Protein backbone atom coordinates (compact mmCIF):
# COMPACT_ATOMS: atom_id res chain seq x y z
CA MET A 1 98.41 133.16 71.15
CA ILE A 2 95.78 133.10 73.88
CA ASP A 3 98.10 131.22 76.11
CA PHE A 4 100.74 133.97 76.00
CA ILE A 5 98.30 136.67 76.61
CA TYR A 6 96.78 134.69 79.47
CA ILE A 7 100.16 134.06 81.16
CA SER A 8 101.05 137.77 80.52
CA PHE A 9 98.03 139.01 82.60
CA ILE A 10 99.08 136.69 85.34
CA ALA A 11 102.82 137.87 85.25
CA ALA A 12 101.27 141.57 85.31
CA SER A 13 99.32 140.67 88.51
CA VAL A 14 102.36 139.15 90.12
CA ILE A 15 104.69 142.13 89.37
CA THR A 16 101.95 144.30 90.55
CA GLY A 17 101.59 142.60 93.74
CA LEU A 18 105.23 142.33 94.55
CA LEU A 19 105.65 145.98 93.89
CA LEU A 20 102.52 147.36 95.84
CA VAL A 21 102.46 144.55 98.73
CA LYS A 22 104.40 145.72 101.84
CA LYS A 23 105.18 144.33 105.17
CA ALA A 24 102.23 146.16 106.69
CA SER A 25 99.78 144.71 104.29
CA PRO A 26 97.10 142.37 105.21
CA VAL A 27 97.69 138.78 105.37
CA TRP A 28 95.22 138.01 102.46
CA ASN A 29 97.26 140.50 100.38
CA LYS A 30 100.46 138.54 100.89
CA ALA A 31 98.86 135.46 100.57
CA LEU A 32 97.39 136.39 97.35
CA VAL A 33 100.74 137.23 95.83
CA PHE A 34 102.27 133.78 96.85
CA PHE A 35 99.13 132.23 95.30
CA LEU A 36 99.82 133.98 91.83
CA ILE A 37 103.50 133.20 92.17
CA VAL A 38 102.71 129.54 92.25
CA THR A 39 100.16 129.97 89.70
CA LEU A 40 102.44 131.59 87.14
CA PHE A 41 105.21 128.98 87.78
CA ASN A 42 102.63 126.23 87.09
CA GLU A 43 101.31 127.67 83.85
CA VAL A 44 104.65 128.67 82.37
CA LEU A 45 105.95 125.32 83.24
CA CYS A 46 102.77 123.57 81.70
CA TYR A 47 103.09 125.79 78.66
CA PHE A 48 106.52 124.58 77.71
CA LEU A 49 105.77 120.94 78.56
CA LYS A 50 102.71 121.08 76.21
CA LYS A 51 105.14 122.52 73.51
CA ARG A 52 107.10 119.14 73.89
CA ALA A 53 103.68 117.12 73.83
CA VAL A 54 103.93 116.14 77.65
CA ASN A 55 100.87 115.28 79.50
CA THR A 56 100.34 118.22 81.88
CA ILE A 57 97.05 116.98 83.82
CA ALA A 58 98.95 115.68 86.69
CA PHE A 59 100.43 119.25 87.16
CA TYR A 60 97.14 120.75 86.86
CA ASN A 61 95.59 118.24 89.38
CA CYS A 62 98.44 119.22 91.83
CA TYR A 63 97.90 122.75 91.32
CA SER A 64 94.09 122.37 92.15
CA TYR A 65 94.83 120.71 95.37
CA PHE A 66 96.97 123.80 96.31
CA ARG A 67 94.57 126.50 94.90
CA PHE A 68 91.46 125.90 96.66
CA PRO A 69 92.69 125.45 100.06
CA MET A 70 94.91 128.54 99.57
CA LEU A 71 91.77 130.37 98.44
CA ALA A 72 89.83 129.08 101.50
CA TRP A 73 92.90 130.68 103.65
CA ILE A 74 92.61 133.97 101.90
CA TYR A 75 88.79 134.17 102.34
CA PHE A 76 89.44 132.95 106.20
CA ASP A 77 91.74 136.21 106.60
CA VAL A 78 89.17 138.53 104.89
CA LEU A 79 86.02 137.34 106.71
CA LYS A 80 86.82 138.71 110.11
CA LYS A 81 83.91 137.01 112.07
CA ARG A 82 85.66 133.96 113.85
CA ARG A 83 82.84 131.62 113.45
CA ILE A 84 82.83 132.31 109.79
CA GLN A 85 86.64 132.00 109.51
CA ARG A 86 86.59 128.54 111.37
CA LEU A 87 83.68 127.26 109.43
CA VAL A 88 85.17 128.39 105.98
CA PHE A 89 88.54 127.05 106.28
CA LEU A 90 87.87 123.72 108.33
CA SER A 91 85.10 122.61 106.08
CA PHE A 92 86.95 123.18 102.94
CA ILE A 93 89.86 121.31 104.30
CA GLY A 94 87.75 118.45 105.13
CA LEU A 95 86.24 118.54 101.71
CA THR A 96 89.75 118.59 100.10
CA VAL A 97 90.89 115.40 102.22
CA LEU A 98 87.60 113.63 101.23
CA LEU A 99 87.66 114.45 97.39
CA PHE A 100 91.71 113.69 97.46
CA VAL A 101 90.83 110.18 98.85
CA PHE A 102 87.74 109.52 96.50
CA ASN A 103 89.58 110.80 93.33
CA LEU A 104 92.54 108.52 94.07
CA PHE A 105 90.31 105.71 94.52
CA PHE A 106 88.24 106.32 91.48
CA TYR A 107 90.65 107.43 88.81
CA ARG A 108 93.58 105.58 90.42
CA SER A 109 95.69 108.07 88.63
CA PHE A 110 97.01 111.83 88.67
CA PHE A 111 97.16 111.92 84.91
CA VAL A 112 93.35 111.97 84.68
CA LEU A 113 91.56 115.41 85.27
CA HIS A 114 90.07 115.34 88.76
CA SER A 115 87.17 117.33 87.56
CA SER A 116 84.88 116.62 90.49
CA TYR A 117 87.23 118.60 92.79
CA PHE A 118 87.46 121.48 90.43
CA LEU A 119 83.73 121.48 90.34
CA ALA A 120 83.30 121.32 94.29
CA GLY A 121 86.13 123.83 94.74
CA GLY A 122 84.68 126.20 92.19
CA ILE A 123 81.23 125.99 93.69
CA TYR A 124 82.72 126.54 97.17
CA VAL A 125 84.60 129.83 96.11
CA ILE A 126 81.26 131.10 94.53
CA ILE A 127 79.78 130.65 97.89
CA LEU A 128 82.66 132.20 99.49
CA SER A 129 82.37 135.24 97.15
CA LEU A 130 78.73 135.55 98.16
CA ILE A 131 79.27 135.36 101.76
CA TYR A 132 82.04 138.10 101.36
CA THR A 133 79.53 140.16 99.50
CA TYR A 134 76.80 139.74 101.96
CA SER A 135 79.43 140.70 104.69
CA LEU A 136 79.84 144.12 103.10
CA MET A 137 76.13 144.79 103.02
CA ASP A 138 75.94 143.56 106.51
CA LYS A 139 78.07 145.99 107.97
CA ASP A 140 76.79 149.04 110.12
CA SER A 141 78.41 151.67 108.09
CA LEU A 142 77.56 150.47 104.31
CA GLN A 143 80.40 151.77 102.19
CA ASN A 144 80.77 151.73 98.37
CA PRO A 145 81.92 148.24 97.67
CA LEU A 146 83.87 149.63 94.75
CA ARG A 147 86.09 151.10 97.05
CA GLU A 148 87.05 147.96 98.76
CA PRO A 149 90.04 146.27 97.21
CA PHE A 150 89.06 142.64 98.06
CA PHE A 151 85.67 143.30 96.46
CA TRP A 152 87.17 143.41 92.97
CA ILE A 153 89.42 140.27 93.70
CA SER A 154 86.41 138.36 94.96
CA SER A 155 84.18 139.55 92.01
CA GLY A 156 87.03 138.34 89.62
CA PHE A 157 86.87 134.78 91.41
CA LEU A 158 83.15 134.73 91.37
CA LEU A 159 82.87 135.51 87.34
CA TYR A 160 85.54 133.20 86.58
CA PHE A 161 84.08 130.14 88.26
CA LEU A 162 80.63 131.19 87.01
CA GLY A 163 81.96 131.28 83.58
CA ALA A 164 84.35 128.17 83.77
CA LEU A 165 82.47 125.49 85.82
CA PRO A 166 79.66 124.43 83.30
CA PHE A 167 82.55 123.80 80.73
CA ILE A 168 84.77 122.11 83.05
CA GLY A 169 81.85 120.01 84.27
CA ALA A 170 81.26 118.81 80.71
CA ILE A 171 85.00 118.77 79.45
CA LYS A 172 85.02 114.77 79.36
CA LEU A 173 81.77 114.64 77.28
CA LEU A 174 83.07 117.37 75.01
CA THR A 175 86.45 115.70 74.51
CA LYS A 176 84.60 112.73 73.32
CA TYR A 177 82.19 114.04 71.03
CA ASN A 178 83.20 117.45 69.83
CA THR A 179 86.93 118.43 70.12
CA VAL A 180 86.45 121.75 68.41
CA LEU A 181 83.90 122.81 71.17
CA ALA A 182 86.36 121.49 73.65
CA SER A 183 89.21 123.73 72.46
CA GLN A 184 86.91 126.46 72.22
CA GLN A 185 86.10 125.78 75.97
CA LEU A 186 89.59 126.44 76.72
CA ILE A 187 89.63 129.64 75.10
CA ILE A 188 86.58 131.00 77.00
CA THR A 189 88.24 129.64 80.27
CA LYS A 190 91.46 131.46 79.53
CA SER A 191 89.32 134.55 78.63
CA MET A 192 87.58 134.38 81.93
CA SER A 193 91.17 134.17 83.32
CA ILE A 194 92.27 137.35 81.93
CA VAL A 195 89.31 139.06 83.45
CA LEU A 196 90.18 137.62 86.87
CA TYR A 197 93.79 138.62 86.83
CA SER A 198 92.96 142.11 85.56
CA LEU A 199 90.31 142.40 88.73
CA ILE A 200 93.22 141.06 91.00
CA THR A 201 95.60 143.66 89.59
CA ILE A 202 92.95 146.59 90.21
CA GLY A 203 92.53 145.18 93.96
CA PHE A 204 96.23 145.24 94.57
CA VAL A 205 96.21 148.98 93.27
CA LEU A 206 93.27 149.97 95.45
CA GLN A 207 94.75 148.20 98.47
CA TRP A 208 98.14 150.08 98.17
CA LYS A 209 96.03 153.40 97.56
CA LYS A 210 93.88 152.59 100.66
CA LYS A 211 97.02 152.09 102.75
CA ASN A 212 98.81 155.28 101.38
CA TYR A 213 96.13 157.69 100.71
CA SER A 214 92.42 158.61 102.02
CA TYR A 215 90.27 158.12 98.89
């Protein structure tokens, strides 16, 4: 049941984005819609594969190596300072390549969860979220952050990874010693995802209002 609800929230974010994002929208706005479409495709595919008892870890590993560089690119566009942009994007691409090679050497398989990359990527997104929040406070004309569409989106990623990282980091230990707790971890992670995609949807709506109305 939680899978269906979780996927429904992703679908709602995709539909909202497709309806409200226009040609004149910021690059990050369009990139986020693309990100969500890929996310939805991966989750629906894995949902049906799991019904057939197919191992989906390889799909989630591939998705991770898409997800984090894509999020780095989105923050790259949002953070307008060129020095920060370059540092954000290039450092994460370097980290991705490094961990990709390490994980292939260490695990020798894509059918084993590359949790080290998820942990590194999650920490990186948390740092990016904090940098973005600081950039809002650092502006000459300080505005209400609740009026900023990306503030809601960035807060969603911040809350999601703060909630998911402790469990993902311990997933192998939980699976080995306590399968019940491991399954509960998945429920917690998917519940945090529902919060994330709800905030992304709010961000899309606010961006559309910002573009079309003065509020």
